[in-house]
N, C-alpha and C. Protein backbone atom coordinates (compact mmCIF):
# COMPACT_ATOMS: atom_id res chain seq x y z
N MET A 1 -128.27 -31.55 -17.01
CA MET A 1 -127.76 -30.58 -18.07
C MET A 1 -128.50 -30.83 -19.47
N ALA A 2 -129.11 -29.89 -19.91
CA ALA A 2 -129.84 -29.98 -21.18
C ALA A 2 -128.86 -29.93 -22.31
N LYS A 3 -128.91 -30.84 -23.29
CA LYS A 3 -128.07 -30.79 -24.46
C LYS A 3 -128.96 -30.85 -25.69
N ARG A 4 -128.32 -30.48 -26.82
CA ARG A 4 -129.08 -30.59 -28.07
C ARG A 4 -128.20 -31.45 -29.06
N THR A 5 -128.87 -31.94 -30.06
CA THR A 5 -128.12 -32.71 -31.09
C THR A 5 -127.20 -31.84 -31.86
N LEU A 6 -126.00 -32.39 -32.13
CA LEU A 6 -125.00 -31.64 -32.93
C LEU A 6 -124.75 -32.51 -34.19
N PRO A 7 -124.85 -31.86 -35.43
CA PRO A 7 -124.66 -32.60 -36.63
C PRO A 7 -123.22 -33.20 -36.61
N PRO A 8 -123.07 -34.39 -37.01
CA PRO A 8 -121.75 -34.99 -36.99
C PRO A 8 -120.67 -34.19 -37.80
N GLY A 9 -121.09 -33.49 -38.75
CA GLY A 9 -120.20 -32.72 -39.62
C GLY A 9 -119.53 -31.46 -38.73
N LYS A 10 -120.05 -31.32 -37.59
CA LYS A 10 -119.62 -30.15 -36.79
C LYS A 10 -118.78 -30.56 -35.55
N VAL A 11 -118.54 -31.83 -35.45
CA VAL A 11 -117.74 -32.32 -34.25
C VAL A 11 -116.32 -31.88 -34.30
N TYR A 12 -115.83 -31.48 -35.44
CA TYR A 12 -114.42 -31.06 -35.57
C TYR A 12 -114.14 -29.91 -34.55
N ALA A 13 -115.17 -28.99 -34.41
CA ALA A 13 -115.00 -27.91 -33.44
C ALA A 13 -114.76 -28.28 -32.02
N LEU A 14 -115.25 -29.48 -31.74
CA LEU A 14 -115.06 -29.91 -30.36
C LEU A 14 -113.74 -30.69 -30.15
N LEU A 15 -113.18 -31.28 -31.17
CA LEU A 15 -111.99 -32.09 -30.99
C LEU A 15 -110.81 -31.47 -31.67
N GLU A 16 -110.68 -30.21 -31.73
CA GLU A 16 -109.60 -29.46 -32.29
C GLU A 16 -108.26 -30.08 -31.78
N PRO A 17 -107.42 -30.58 -32.62
CA PRO A 17 -106.29 -31.34 -32.15
C PRO A 17 -105.07 -30.62 -31.63
N GLY A 18 -104.89 -29.38 -32.01
CA GLY A 18 -103.71 -28.71 -31.54
C GLY A 18 -103.58 -27.35 -32.18
N PRO A 19 -102.33 -26.63 -32.03
CA PRO A 19 -102.30 -25.31 -32.56
C PRO A 19 -102.31 -25.38 -34.10
N VAL A 20 -102.74 -24.34 -34.70
CA VAL A 20 -102.67 -24.22 -36.16
C VAL A 20 -101.11 -23.95 -36.47
N VAL A 21 -100.63 -24.69 -37.48
CA VAL A 21 -99.28 -24.67 -37.84
C VAL A 21 -99.16 -24.22 -39.35
N LEU A 22 -98.00 -23.82 -39.75
CA LEU A 22 -97.73 -23.60 -41.14
C LEU A 22 -96.91 -24.82 -41.70
N LEU A 23 -97.53 -25.59 -42.55
CA LEU A 23 -96.79 -26.75 -43.15
C LEU A 23 -96.01 -26.20 -44.23
N GLY A 24 -94.62 -26.30 -44.15
CA GLY A 24 -93.83 -25.93 -45.24
C GLY A 24 -93.43 -27.11 -46.04
N THR A 25 -93.52 -26.99 -47.40
CA THR A 25 -93.12 -28.08 -48.30
C THR A 25 -92.31 -27.36 -49.42
N ALA A 26 -91.53 -28.21 -50.09
CA ALA A 26 -90.77 -27.81 -51.22
C ALA A 26 -90.45 -28.91 -52.15
N TRP A 27 -90.38 -28.65 -53.46
CA TRP A 27 -89.87 -29.70 -54.41
C TRP A 27 -89.41 -29.03 -55.71
N ARG A 28 -88.18 -29.35 -56.08
CA ARG A 28 -87.57 -28.84 -57.22
C ARG A 28 -87.74 -27.28 -57.43
N GLY A 29 -87.30 -26.62 -56.39
CA GLY A 29 -87.35 -25.16 -56.50
C GLY A 29 -88.64 -24.45 -56.20
N GLU A 30 -89.66 -25.18 -56.03
CA GLU A 30 -90.98 -24.67 -55.63
C GLU A 30 -91.25 -24.95 -54.25
N ARG A 31 -91.64 -23.92 -53.58
CA ARG A 31 -92.03 -23.97 -52.09
C ARG A 31 -93.41 -23.49 -51.74
N ASN A 32 -93.91 -24.00 -50.63
CA ASN A 32 -95.27 -23.68 -50.27
C ASN A 32 -95.53 -23.65 -48.81
N LEU A 33 -96.45 -22.91 -48.35
CA LEU A 33 -96.87 -22.86 -46.96
C LEU A 33 -98.44 -23.18 -46.93
N MET A 34 -98.81 -24.01 -45.98
CA MET A 34 -100.22 -24.30 -45.85
C MET A 34 -100.58 -24.22 -44.34
N ALA A 35 -101.75 -23.57 -44.03
CA ALA A 35 -102.28 -23.57 -42.72
C ALA A 35 -102.75 -24.98 -42.43
N MET A 36 -102.47 -25.57 -41.27
CA MET A 36 -102.91 -26.88 -40.98
C MET A 36 -103.18 -27.04 -39.47
N SER A 37 -104.32 -27.65 -39.20
CA SER A 37 -104.64 -27.89 -37.70
C SER A 37 -104.91 -29.34 -37.50
N TRP A 38 -104.88 -30.21 -38.52
CA TRP A 38 -105.23 -31.60 -38.27
C TRP A 38 -103.90 -32.30 -38.27
N HIS A 39 -103.44 -32.40 -37.01
CA HIS A 39 -102.16 -33.10 -36.64
C HIS A 39 -102.15 -33.60 -35.28
N SER A 40 -101.32 -34.62 -35.03
CA SER A 40 -101.28 -35.23 -33.67
C SER A 40 -99.96 -35.93 -33.50
N MET A 41 -99.39 -35.77 -32.25
CA MET A 41 -98.21 -36.57 -31.89
C MET A 41 -98.60 -38.01 -31.79
N LEU A 42 -97.79 -38.91 -32.30
CA LEU A 42 -97.98 -40.31 -32.25
C LEU A 42 -97.08 -41.05 -31.48
N ASP A 43 -95.82 -40.58 -31.27
CA ASP A 43 -94.83 -41.35 -30.44
C ASP A 43 -93.83 -40.38 -29.93
N PHE A 44 -93.12 -40.79 -28.85
CA PHE A 44 -92.08 -39.89 -28.29
C PHE A 44 -90.70 -40.10 -28.93
N GLU A 45 -90.33 -41.42 -28.99
CA GLU A 45 -88.89 -41.70 -29.47
C GLU A 45 -88.87 -42.84 -30.48
N PRO A 46 -88.63 -42.60 -31.73
CA PRO A 46 -88.38 -41.27 -32.28
C PRO A 46 -89.67 -40.46 -32.28
N PRO A 47 -89.52 -39.13 -32.26
CA PRO A 47 -90.77 -38.29 -32.26
C PRO A 47 -91.47 -38.46 -33.62
N LEU A 48 -92.69 -38.98 -33.53
CA LEU A 48 -93.51 -39.15 -34.74
C LEU A 48 -94.74 -38.28 -34.60
N LEU A 49 -95.24 -37.76 -35.72
CA LEU A 49 -96.51 -37.06 -35.74
C LEU A 49 -97.23 -37.42 -37.03
N GLY A 50 -98.53 -37.34 -36.93
CA GLY A 50 -99.34 -37.61 -38.08
C GLY A 50 -100.12 -36.36 -38.50
N CYS A 51 -100.37 -36.23 -39.70
CA CYS A 51 -101.11 -35.06 -40.21
C CYS A 51 -101.92 -35.39 -41.44
N VAL A 52 -103.02 -34.69 -41.64
CA VAL A 52 -103.86 -34.80 -42.78
C VAL A 52 -103.65 -33.62 -43.69
N VAL A 53 -103.23 -33.91 -44.90
CA VAL A 53 -103.08 -32.93 -45.98
C VAL A 53 -103.99 -33.36 -47.13
N SER A 54 -105.04 -32.58 -47.44
CA SER A 54 -105.99 -32.89 -48.38
C SER A 54 -105.33 -32.96 -49.80
N GLN A 55 -105.82 -33.93 -50.63
CA GLN A 55 -105.32 -34.02 -51.95
C GLN A 55 -105.57 -32.77 -52.83
N GLY A 56 -106.58 -31.99 -52.42
CA GLY A 56 -106.78 -30.73 -53.13
C GLY A 56 -105.94 -29.61 -52.86
N ASN A 57 -105.04 -29.77 -51.81
CA ASN A 57 -104.07 -28.72 -51.47
C ASN A 57 -102.83 -28.85 -52.29
N HIS A 58 -102.21 -27.81 -52.74
CA HIS A 58 -101.03 -27.83 -53.55
C HIS A 58 -99.84 -28.53 -52.67
N SER A 59 -99.96 -28.31 -51.42
CA SER A 59 -98.88 -28.90 -50.53
C SER A 59 -98.94 -30.43 -50.65
N PHE A 60 -100.05 -31.02 -50.80
CA PHE A 60 -100.11 -32.47 -50.96
C PHE A 60 -99.18 -33.08 -51.91
N SER A 61 -99.14 -32.47 -53.18
CA SER A 61 -98.31 -33.14 -54.16
C SER A 61 -96.81 -32.82 -53.85
N LEU A 62 -96.47 -31.66 -53.30
CA LEU A 62 -95.06 -31.24 -52.92
C LEU A 62 -94.67 -32.24 -51.75
N LEU A 63 -95.49 -32.56 -50.77
CA LEU A 63 -95.13 -33.38 -49.72
C LEU A 63 -94.96 -34.92 -50.23
N ARG A 64 -95.83 -35.21 -51.07
CA ARG A 64 -95.81 -36.65 -51.57
C ARG A 64 -94.52 -36.91 -52.35
N LYS A 65 -94.09 -35.82 -53.18
CA LYS A 65 -92.91 -35.93 -54.04
C LYS A 65 -91.63 -35.87 -53.24
N SER A 66 -91.55 -34.95 -52.33
CA SER A 66 -90.31 -34.65 -51.65
C SER A 66 -90.12 -35.55 -50.40
N ARG A 67 -91.26 -35.95 -49.84
CA ARG A 67 -91.16 -36.73 -48.58
C ARG A 67 -90.53 -36.07 -47.37
N GLU A 68 -90.65 -34.77 -47.40
CA GLU A 68 -90.14 -33.99 -46.31
C GLU A 68 -90.84 -32.74 -46.17
N CYS A 69 -90.75 -32.05 -44.95
CA CYS A 69 -91.50 -30.87 -44.70
C CYS A 69 -91.03 -30.18 -43.42
N VAL A 70 -91.54 -28.98 -43.08
CA VAL A 70 -91.30 -28.36 -41.84
C VAL A 70 -92.62 -27.97 -41.37
N ILE A 71 -92.79 -28.37 -39.99
CA ILE A 71 -93.98 -27.92 -39.24
C ILE A 71 -93.51 -26.55 -38.49
N ASN A 72 -94.07 -25.46 -38.93
CA ASN A 72 -93.69 -24.16 -38.32
C ASN A 72 -94.86 -23.79 -37.44
N ILE A 73 -94.43 -23.53 -36.14
CA ILE A 73 -95.53 -23.19 -35.16
C ILE A 73 -95.49 -21.74 -34.74
N PRO A 74 -96.58 -21.02 -35.28
CA PRO A 74 -96.59 -19.57 -35.06
C PRO A 74 -97.35 -19.22 -33.76
N THR A 75 -97.12 -17.98 -33.30
CA THR A 75 -97.90 -17.48 -32.19
C THR A 75 -99.10 -16.75 -32.77
N ALA A 76 -100.03 -16.39 -31.93
CA ALA A 76 -101.27 -15.70 -32.42
C ALA A 76 -100.92 -14.42 -33.13
N GLU A 77 -99.80 -13.77 -32.85
CA GLU A 77 -99.43 -12.59 -33.52
C GLU A 77 -99.38 -12.72 -35.06
N LEU A 78 -99.21 -13.96 -35.56
CA LEU A 78 -99.11 -14.15 -36.97
C LEU A 78 -100.49 -14.68 -37.47
N ALA A 79 -101.56 -14.41 -36.80
CA ALA A 79 -102.86 -14.90 -37.28
C ALA A 79 -103.23 -14.48 -38.60
N ALA A 80 -103.03 -13.27 -39.02
CA ALA A 80 -103.41 -12.73 -40.24
C ALA A 80 -102.64 -13.49 -41.41
N GLN A 81 -101.33 -13.71 -41.18
CA GLN A 81 -100.50 -14.33 -42.22
C GLN A 81 -100.89 -15.87 -42.26
N VAL A 82 -101.28 -16.51 -41.14
CA VAL A 82 -101.65 -17.88 -41.08
C VAL A 82 -102.91 -18.15 -41.86
N VAL A 83 -103.91 -17.26 -41.54
CA VAL A 83 -105.13 -17.34 -42.27
C VAL A 83 -104.96 -17.07 -43.77
N GLY A 84 -104.13 -16.01 -44.05
CA GLY A 84 -103.87 -15.77 -45.48
C GLY A 84 -103.30 -16.95 -46.21
N CYS A 85 -102.33 -17.69 -45.56
CA CYS A 85 -101.74 -18.79 -46.14
C CYS A 85 -102.75 -19.88 -46.32
N GLY A 86 -103.71 -20.03 -45.39
CA GLY A 86 -104.75 -20.98 -45.53
C GLY A 86 -105.79 -20.72 -46.54
N ASN A 87 -105.97 -19.47 -46.97
CA ASN A 87 -107.01 -19.03 -47.93
C ASN A 87 -106.51 -18.75 -49.31
N THR A 88 -105.18 -19.06 -49.48
CA THR A 88 -104.58 -18.72 -50.80
C THR A 88 -103.93 -20.09 -51.34
N THR A 89 -104.07 -20.36 -52.59
CA THR A 89 -103.39 -21.54 -53.16
C THR A 89 -101.85 -21.09 -53.46
N GLY A 90 -101.00 -21.97 -53.14
CA GLY A 90 -99.61 -21.88 -53.45
C GLY A 90 -99.21 -22.24 -54.89
N ALA A 91 -100.19 -22.68 -55.59
CA ALA A 91 -99.91 -23.11 -57.02
C ALA A 91 -99.40 -21.99 -57.82
N LYS A 92 -99.80 -20.71 -57.57
CA LYS A 92 -99.48 -19.55 -58.39
C LYS A 92 -98.87 -18.44 -57.60
N VAL A 93 -98.72 -18.57 -56.31
CA VAL A 93 -98.26 -17.48 -55.44
C VAL A 93 -97.21 -18.00 -54.43
N ASP A 94 -96.11 -17.20 -54.30
CA ASP A 94 -95.14 -17.47 -53.28
C ASP A 94 -95.68 -16.94 -51.93
N LYS A 95 -96.08 -17.78 -51.12
CA LYS A 95 -96.70 -17.31 -49.83
C LYS A 95 -95.75 -16.61 -48.91
N PHE A 96 -94.46 -16.99 -48.97
CA PHE A 96 -93.46 -16.24 -48.14
C PHE A 96 -93.49 -14.83 -48.54
N ALA A 97 -93.43 -14.50 -49.82
CA ALA A 97 -93.40 -13.08 -50.25
C ALA A 97 -94.79 -12.45 -50.09
N ARG A 98 -95.84 -13.08 -50.40
CA ARG A 98 -97.21 -12.52 -50.35
C ARG A 98 -97.41 -12.07 -48.85
N PHE A 99 -97.07 -12.89 -47.86
CA PHE A 99 -97.49 -12.62 -46.52
C PHE A 99 -96.32 -12.11 -45.61
N GLY A 100 -95.18 -11.72 -46.33
CA GLY A 100 -94.10 -11.08 -45.54
C GLY A 100 -93.43 -12.04 -44.53
N LEU A 101 -93.28 -13.31 -44.93
CA LEU A 101 -92.64 -14.24 -44.11
C LEU A 101 -91.15 -14.61 -44.60
N THR A 102 -90.33 -14.76 -43.58
CA THR A 102 -88.87 -15.00 -43.96
C THR A 102 -88.47 -16.43 -44.00
N PRO A 103 -88.03 -16.93 -45.21
CA PRO A 103 -87.53 -18.29 -45.26
C PRO A 103 -86.09 -18.35 -44.76
N LYS A 104 -85.81 -19.37 -43.98
CA LYS A 104 -84.45 -19.61 -43.49
C LYS A 104 -84.15 -21.12 -43.76
N PRO A 105 -82.80 -21.35 -44.07
CA PRO A 105 -82.45 -22.82 -44.40
C PRO A 105 -82.67 -23.71 -43.19
N ALA A 106 -83.09 -24.88 -43.48
CA ALA A 106 -83.22 -25.93 -42.44
C ALA A 106 -81.89 -26.70 -42.44
N ARG A 107 -81.78 -27.53 -41.37
CA ARG A 107 -80.51 -28.41 -41.28
C ARG A 107 -80.67 -29.67 -41.87
N THR A 108 -81.82 -30.34 -41.75
CA THR A 108 -81.86 -31.75 -42.30
C THR A 108 -82.79 -31.97 -43.44
N VAL A 109 -83.56 -30.94 -43.85
CA VAL A 109 -84.42 -31.07 -44.99
C VAL A 109 -84.19 -29.92 -45.97
N ALA A 110 -84.71 -30.01 -47.17
CA ALA A 110 -84.54 -29.01 -48.29
C ALA A 110 -85.82 -28.08 -48.27
N VAL A 111 -86.47 -27.89 -47.18
CA VAL A 111 -87.61 -27.07 -47.00
C VAL A 111 -87.25 -25.90 -46.12
N PRO A 112 -87.64 -24.63 -46.48
CA PRO A 112 -87.22 -23.54 -45.62
C PRO A 112 -88.10 -23.48 -44.37
N LEU A 113 -87.45 -22.99 -43.27
CA LEU A 113 -88.17 -22.69 -42.11
C LEU A 113 -88.84 -21.29 -42.18
N VAL A 114 -89.91 -20.98 -41.44
CA VAL A 114 -90.50 -19.69 -41.35
C VAL A 114 -89.90 -19.07 -40.13
N ASP A 115 -89.02 -18.04 -40.34
CA ASP A 115 -88.22 -17.48 -39.26
C ASP A 115 -89.11 -16.79 -38.18
N GLU A 116 -90.28 -16.33 -38.52
CA GLU A 116 -91.09 -15.61 -37.59
C GLU A 116 -91.82 -16.57 -36.63
N CYS A 117 -91.89 -17.81 -36.96
CA CYS A 117 -92.54 -18.78 -36.03
C CYS A 117 -91.61 -19.05 -34.84
N PHE A 118 -92.22 -19.33 -33.68
CA PHE A 118 -91.35 -19.48 -32.51
C PHE A 118 -90.75 -20.95 -32.44
N ALA A 119 -91.28 -21.88 -33.20
CA ALA A 119 -90.73 -23.14 -33.26
C ALA A 119 -90.89 -23.81 -34.72
N ASN A 120 -89.93 -24.63 -35.06
CA ASN A 120 -89.88 -25.23 -36.42
C ASN A 120 -89.47 -26.71 -36.17
N LEU A 121 -90.20 -27.58 -36.77
CA LEU A 121 -90.01 -29.05 -36.72
C LEU A 121 -89.60 -29.58 -38.10
N GLU A 122 -88.33 -29.93 -38.38
CA GLU A 122 -87.95 -30.48 -39.66
C GLU A 122 -88.43 -31.97 -39.59
N CYS A 123 -89.08 -32.38 -40.72
CA CYS A 123 -89.61 -33.77 -40.64
C CYS A 123 -89.32 -34.48 -42.00
N ARG A 124 -89.37 -35.77 -41.88
CA ARG A 124 -89.35 -36.69 -43.08
C ARG A 124 -90.59 -37.61 -42.96
N VAL A 125 -91.16 -37.89 -44.08
CA VAL A 125 -92.29 -38.79 -44.19
C VAL A 125 -91.79 -40.22 -43.95
N VAL A 126 -92.31 -40.96 -43.07
CA VAL A 126 -91.87 -42.28 -42.77
C VAL A 126 -92.87 -43.37 -42.97
N ASP A 127 -94.12 -42.96 -43.19
CA ASP A 127 -95.16 -43.88 -43.35
C ASP A 127 -96.34 -43.25 -44.24
N THR A 128 -96.61 -43.80 -45.35
CA THR A 128 -97.64 -43.33 -46.25
C THR A 128 -98.81 -44.23 -46.42
N ARG A 129 -98.97 -45.30 -45.58
CA ARG A 129 -99.96 -46.31 -45.72
C ARG A 129 -101.31 -45.70 -45.63
N GLY A 130 -101.56 -44.64 -44.93
CA GLY A 130 -102.83 -43.97 -44.70
C GLY A 130 -103.11 -42.85 -45.74
N VAL A 131 -102.18 -42.55 -46.71
CA VAL A 131 -102.32 -41.45 -47.57
C VAL A 131 -103.52 -41.67 -48.57
N ASN A 132 -103.48 -42.81 -49.23
CA ASN A 132 -104.53 -43.06 -50.26
C ASN A 132 -105.95 -42.99 -49.78
N LYS A 133 -106.13 -43.49 -48.58
CA LYS A 133 -107.45 -43.62 -48.08
C LYS A 133 -107.84 -42.28 -47.17
N TYR A 134 -106.85 -41.78 -46.40
CA TYR A 134 -107.27 -40.76 -45.44
C TYR A 134 -106.47 -39.51 -45.61
N ASN A 135 -105.52 -39.46 -46.57
CA ASN A 135 -104.57 -38.31 -46.74
C ASN A 135 -103.70 -38.15 -45.52
N TRP A 136 -103.38 -39.19 -44.78
CA TRP A 136 -102.70 -39.22 -43.48
C TRP A 136 -101.24 -39.53 -43.70
N PHE A 137 -100.36 -38.65 -43.41
CA PHE A 137 -98.94 -38.81 -43.46
C PHE A 137 -98.39 -38.95 -42.07
N VAL A 138 -97.46 -39.89 -42.00
CA VAL A 138 -96.76 -40.00 -40.68
C VAL A 138 -95.32 -39.48 -40.85
N LEU A 139 -94.95 -38.50 -39.96
CA LEU A 139 -93.74 -37.78 -40.10
C LEU A 139 -92.86 -38.10 -38.86
N GLU A 140 -91.49 -38.16 -39.11
CA GLU A 140 -90.59 -38.23 -38.03
C GLU A 140 -89.85 -36.87 -37.93
N VAL A 141 -89.74 -36.34 -36.79
CA VAL A 141 -88.96 -35.03 -36.58
C VAL A 141 -87.56 -35.35 -36.52
N THR A 142 -86.84 -34.72 -37.51
CA THR A 142 -85.46 -35.01 -37.60
C THR A 142 -84.59 -33.94 -37.00
N HIS A 143 -85.14 -32.71 -36.77
CA HIS A 143 -84.46 -31.64 -36.09
C HIS A 143 -85.55 -30.65 -35.65
N ALA A 144 -85.38 -30.04 -34.48
CA ALA A 144 -86.31 -29.08 -33.97
C ALA A 144 -85.65 -27.83 -33.50
N TRP A 145 -86.27 -26.70 -33.65
CA TRP A 145 -85.85 -25.33 -33.33
C TRP A 145 -86.86 -24.74 -32.45
N VAL A 146 -86.47 -23.97 -31.45
CA VAL A 146 -87.45 -23.18 -30.69
C VAL A 146 -86.76 -21.87 -30.20
N ASP A 147 -87.51 -20.81 -30.10
CA ASP A 147 -87.04 -19.54 -29.61
C ASP A 147 -87.02 -19.62 -28.10
N PRO A 148 -85.90 -19.58 -27.45
CA PRO A 148 -85.79 -19.62 -26.02
C PRO A 148 -86.50 -18.47 -25.23
N LYS A 149 -86.77 -17.37 -26.01
CA LYS A 149 -87.43 -16.21 -25.37
C LYS A 149 -88.94 -16.46 -25.17
N VAL A 150 -89.45 -17.41 -25.90
CA VAL A 150 -90.92 -17.65 -25.92
C VAL A 150 -91.08 -18.73 -24.92
N LYS A 151 -91.59 -18.43 -23.73
CA LYS A 151 -91.83 -19.31 -22.64
C LYS A 151 -93.26 -19.99 -22.72
N ALA A 152 -94.21 -19.24 -22.90
CA ALA A 152 -95.66 -19.68 -22.83
C ALA A 152 -96.34 -19.03 -24.11
N PRO A 153 -96.14 -19.67 -25.28
CA PRO A 153 -96.64 -18.99 -26.49
C PRO A 153 -98.22 -18.88 -26.52
N ASP A 154 -98.64 -17.85 -27.06
CA ASP A 154 -100.09 -17.72 -27.36
C ASP A 154 -100.32 -18.36 -28.71
N THR A 155 -100.74 -19.61 -28.74
CA THR A 155 -100.91 -20.24 -30.04
C THR A 155 -102.34 -20.19 -30.50
N LEU A 156 -102.55 -20.25 -31.81
CA LEU A 156 -103.79 -20.14 -32.44
C LEU A 156 -104.43 -21.53 -32.66
N HIS A 157 -105.68 -21.67 -32.28
CA HIS A 157 -106.39 -22.95 -32.42
C HIS A 157 -107.68 -22.82 -33.24
N HIS A 158 -107.76 -23.58 -34.26
CA HIS A 158 -108.95 -23.47 -35.22
C HIS A 158 -110.09 -24.27 -34.61
N ARG A 159 -111.20 -23.55 -34.36
CA ARG A 159 -112.43 -24.13 -33.80
C ARG A 159 -113.35 -24.63 -34.86
N GLY A 160 -112.98 -24.44 -36.16
CA GLY A 160 -113.88 -24.72 -37.26
C GLY A 160 -114.57 -23.59 -37.75
N PHE A 161 -114.91 -23.62 -39.06
CA PHE A 161 -115.84 -22.65 -39.67
C PHE A 161 -115.41 -21.18 -39.47
N GLY A 162 -114.13 -20.94 -39.55
CA GLY A 162 -113.60 -19.55 -39.47
C GLY A 162 -113.41 -19.08 -38.03
N ARG A 163 -113.69 -19.81 -36.99
CA ARG A 163 -113.47 -19.45 -35.67
C ARG A 163 -112.11 -19.96 -35.07
N PHE A 164 -111.55 -19.07 -34.18
CA PHE A 164 -110.24 -19.48 -33.68
C PHE A 164 -110.28 -19.08 -32.20
N MET A 165 -109.36 -19.85 -31.48
CA MET A 165 -109.26 -19.59 -30.06
C MET A 165 -107.73 -19.40 -29.78
N VAL A 166 -107.43 -18.52 -28.98
CA VAL A 166 -105.94 -18.31 -28.60
C VAL A 166 -105.68 -18.95 -27.23
N ALA A 167 -104.64 -19.80 -27.29
CA ALA A 167 -104.26 -20.49 -25.98
C ALA A 167 -102.99 -19.82 -25.47
N GLY A 168 -102.79 -19.94 -24.21
CA GLY A 168 -101.51 -19.46 -23.69
C GLY A 168 -101.52 -19.45 -22.23
N ALA A 169 -102.64 -19.56 -21.59
CA ALA A 169 -102.64 -19.64 -20.08
C ALA A 169 -102.15 -21.09 -19.75
N GLU A 170 -101.19 -21.01 -18.78
CA GLU A 170 -100.57 -22.23 -18.42
C GLU A 170 -100.82 -22.63 -16.95
N ARG A 171 -101.15 -23.94 -16.73
CA ARG A 171 -101.32 -24.41 -15.39
C ARG A 171 -100.43 -25.61 -15.16
N THR A 172 -99.82 -25.68 -14.03
CA THR A 172 -99.00 -26.82 -13.68
C THR A 172 -99.65 -27.70 -12.78
N LEU A 173 -99.76 -28.93 -13.14
CA LEU A 173 -100.43 -30.01 -12.30
C LEU A 173 -99.51 -31.12 -12.22
N PRO A 174 -99.66 -31.98 -11.17
CA PRO A 174 -98.83 -33.19 -10.98
C PRO A 174 -98.77 -34.02 -12.22
N SER A 175 -97.52 -34.48 -12.64
CA SER A 175 -97.32 -35.30 -13.79
C SER A 175 -96.29 -36.27 -13.61
N ARG A 176 -96.51 -37.43 -14.25
CA ARG A 176 -95.50 -38.58 -14.24
C ARG A 176 -94.66 -38.55 -15.57
N MET A 177 -95.02 -37.52 -16.42
CA MET A 177 -94.20 -37.49 -17.70
C MET A 177 -92.80 -37.08 -17.47
N LYS A 178 -91.86 -37.66 -18.19
CA LYS A 178 -90.46 -37.38 -18.04
C LYS A 178 -90.00 -36.38 -19.06
């Protein structure tokens, strides 16, 4: 197999970690949504996930101050709104209003859920040791919501540099996972 050199700055497109989500944050009456694809599950029980939120994003300061958030998982049908949220700063714009998204109260955090998303994970920040060096937050899921009508969601995956892939085809293979 003939291969060519790939610049290290482009490996992100090969290691895309999961579906693009809308990170919801809020602090003292201000709320924001940010498109995010740099996240990973870290543990099962309690459910922990890690995510990178750049210091340059408005969501960074809201998350750092409030220490809570909502991971809203959209289907590909919301691609335009997701990309819009990713290309717009929340410092001066209410992204819920701008992109026609519906805020709903959460159960365990003071951050609204995005009702149009098929799943919402309410989270609290439990570890900030990686924030100063890597912008890496560790979150514990405190409550989760899922639309039971959505069985195999077509999720949006960022391939880097404005390219996206839609996932949704499901294959069942032998597993030892419980």
